[in-house]
Amino acid sequence: WSRSYFVCSTGGATIETFRAYVQSQSTPD
């Protein structure tokens, strides 16, 4: 999954939705 693909597939996600996606894909150190 790439971030650009995620945004395109969702038709332009909001910042909150994008952040939730990033957090679900990667865990903080």
PDB file of N, CA and C in Angstrom:
ATOM      1  N   TRP A   1       0.839  -1.201   0.000  1.00  0.00           N
ATOM      2  CA  TRP A   1       0.000   0.000   0.000  1.00  0.00           C
ATOM      3  C   TRP A   1       0.873   1.249   0.000  1.00  0.00           C
ATOM      4  N   SER A   2       0.582   2.152  -0.888  1.00  0.00           N
ATOM      5  CA  SER A   2       1.265   3.439  -0.866  1.00  0.00           C
ATOM      6  C   SER A   2       0.286   4.513  -0.430  1.00  0.00           C
ATOM      7  N   ARG A   3       0.793   5.572   0.134  1.00  0.00           N
ATOM      8  CA  ARG A   3      -0.076   6.627   0.656  1.00  0.00           C
ATOM      9  C   ARG A   3      -0.881   7.276  -0.455  1.00  0.00           C
ATOM     10  N   SER A   4      -0.258   7.466  -1.607  1.00  0.00           N
ATOM     11  CA  SER A   4      -0.948   8.098  -2.721  1.00  0.00           C
ATOM     12  C   SER A   4      -2.083   7.209  -3.216  1.00  0.00           C
ATOM     13  N   TYR A   5      -1.862   5.894  -3.210  1.00  0.00           N
ATOM     14  CA  TYR A   5      -2.891   4.955  -3.626  1.00  0.00           C
ATOM     15  C   TYR A   5      -4.053   4.988  -2.657  1.00  0.00           C
ATOM     16  N   PHE A   6      -3.749   5.112  -1.374  1.00  0.00           N
ATOM     17  CA  PHE A   6      -4.784   5.157  -0.346  1.00  0.00           C
ATOM     18  C   PHE A   6      -5.667   6.371  -0.551  1.00  0.00           C
ATOM     19  N   VAL A   7      -5.053   7.507  -0.796  1.00  0.00           N
ATOM     20  CA  VAL A   7      -5.816   8.742  -0.988  1.00  0.00           C
ATOM     21  C   VAL A   7      -6.685   8.641  -2.237  1.00  0.00           C
ATOM     22  N   CYS A   8      -6.132   8.085  -3.299  1.00  0.00           N
ATOM     23  CA  CYS A   8      -6.874   7.961  -4.549  1.00  0.00           C
ATOM     24  C   CYS A   8      -8.025   6.982  -4.402  1.00  0.00           C
ATOM     25  N   SER A   9      -7.789   5.885  -3.700  1.00  0.00           N
ATOM     26  CA  SER A   9      -8.816   4.857  -3.555  1.00  0.00           C
ATOM     27  C   SER A   9      -9.967   5.341  -2.691  1.00  0.00           C
ATOM     28  N   THR A  10      -9.694   6.303  -1.811  1.00  0.00           N
ATOM     29  CA  THR A  10     -10.744   6.813  -0.937  1.00  0.00           C
ATOM     30  C   THR A  10     -11.372   8.071  -1.527  1.00  0.00           C
ATOM     31  N   GLY A  11     -10.874   8.503  -2.662  1.00  0.00           N
ATOM     32  CA  GLY A  11     -11.434   9.677  -3.294  1.00  0.00           C
ATOM     33  C   GLY A  11     -11.053  10.951  -2.579  1.00  0.00           C
ATOM     34  N   GLY A  12      -9.923  10.939  -1.887  1.00  0.00           N
ATOM     35  CA  GLY A  12      -9.485  12.138  -1.174  1.00  0.00           C
ATOM     36  C   GLY A  12      -9.867  12.050   0.285  1.00  0.00           C
ATOM     37  N   ALA A  13      -9.049  11.362   1.056  1.00  0.00           N
ATOM     38  CA  ALA A  13      -9.355  11.182   2.477  1.00  0.00           C
ATOM     39  C   ALA A  13      -9.052  12.456   3.257  1.00  0.00           C
ATOM     40  N   THR A  14      -9.710  12.580   4.387  1.00  0.00           N
ATOM     41  CA  THR A  14      -9.459  13.731   5.247  1.00  0.00           C
ATOM     42  C   THR A  14      -8.178  13.512   6.033  1.00  0.00           C
ATOM     43  N   ILE A  15      -7.688  14.544   6.672  1.00  0.00           N
ATOM     44  CA  ILE A  15      -6.455  14.437   7.445  1.00  0.00           C
ATOM     45  C   ILE A  15      -6.617  13.407   8.555  1.00  0.00           C
ATOM     46  N   GLU A  16      -7.734  13.424   9.221  1.00  0.00           N
ATOM     47  CA  GLU A  16      -7.964  12.493  10.331  1.00  0.00           C
ATOM     48  C   GLU A  16      -7.980  11.050   9.835  1.00  0.00           C
ATOM     49  N   THR A  17      -8.631  10.822   8.714  1.00  0.00           N
ATOM     50  CA  THR A  17      -8.690   9.483   8.143  1.00  0.00           C
ATOM     51  C   THR A  17      -7.307   9.033   7.703  1.00  0.00           C
ATOM     52  N   PHE A  18      -6.548   9.960   7.136  1.00  0.00           N
ATOM     53  CA  PHE A  18      -5.202   9.646   6.687  1.00  0.00           C
ATOM     54  C   PHE A  18      -4.305   9.301   7.860  1.00  0.00           C
ATOM     55  N   ARG A  19      -4.438  10.062   8.935  1.00  0.00           N
ATOM     56  CA  ARG A  19      -3.636   9.793  10.127  1.00  0.00           C
ATOM     57  C   ARG A  19      -3.984   8.432  10.707  1.00  0.00           C
ATOM     58  N   ALA A  20      -5.265   8.109  10.723  1.00  0.00           N
ATOM     59  CA  ALA A  20      -5.700   6.821  11.260  1.00  0.00           C
ATOM     60  C   ALA A  20      -5.116   5.688  10.425  1.00  0.00           C
ATOM     61  N   TYR A  21      -5.042   5.901   9.117  1.00  0.00           N
ATOM     62  CA  TYR A  21      -4.472   4.897   8.228  1.00  0.00           C
ATOM     63  C   TYR A  21      -2.987   4.701   8.505  1.00  0.00           C
ATOM     64  N   VAL A  22      -2.275   5.800   8.638  1.00  0.00           N
ATOM     65  CA  VAL A  22      -0.833   5.736   8.892  1.00  0.00           C
ATOM     66  C   VAL A  22      -0.557   5.039  10.216  1.00  0.00           C
ATOM     67  N   GLN A  23      -1.349   5.365  11.219  1.00  0.00           N
ATOM     68  CA  GLN A  23      -1.147   4.765  12.535  1.00  0.00           C
ATOM     69  C   GLN A  23      -1.431   3.264  12.497  1.00  0.00           C
ATOM     70  N   SER A  24      -2.389   2.864  11.680  1.00  0.00           N
ATOM     71  CA  SER A  24      -2.734   1.446  11.611  1.00  0.00           C
ATOM     72  C   SER A  24      -1.696   0.668  10.809  1.00  0.00           C
ATOM     73  N   GLN A  25      -0.989   1.361   9.936  1.00  0.00           N
ATOM     74  CA  GLN A  25       0.003   0.703   9.094  1.00  0.00           C
ATOM     75  C   GLN A  25       1.381   0.653   9.738  1.00  0.00           C
ATOM     76  N   SER A  26       1.661   1.604  10.601  1.00  0.00           N
ATOM     77  CA  SER A  26       2.985   1.649  11.223  1.00  0.00           C
ATOM     78  C   SER A  26       2.868   1.939  12.708  1.00  0.00           C
ATOM     79  N   THR A  27       3.719   1.287  13.492  1.00  0.00           N
ATOM     80  CA  THR A  27       3.690   1.503  14.933  1.00  0.00           C
ATOM     81  C   THR A  27       4.835   2.418  15.340  1.00  0.00           C
ATOM     82  N   PRO A  28       4.614   3.313  16.282  1.00  0.00           N
ATOM     83  CA  PRO A  28       5.664   4.221  16.741  1.00  0.00           C
ATOM     84  C   PRO A  28       6.783   3.479  17.460  1.00  0.00           C
ATOM     85  N   ASP A  29       7.981   3.981  17.350  1.00  0.00           N
ATOM     86  CA  ASP A  29       9.127   3.332  17.999  1.00  0.00           C
ATOM     87  C   ASP A  29       9.058   3.468  19.505  1.00  0.00           C
TER      88      ASP A  29
END
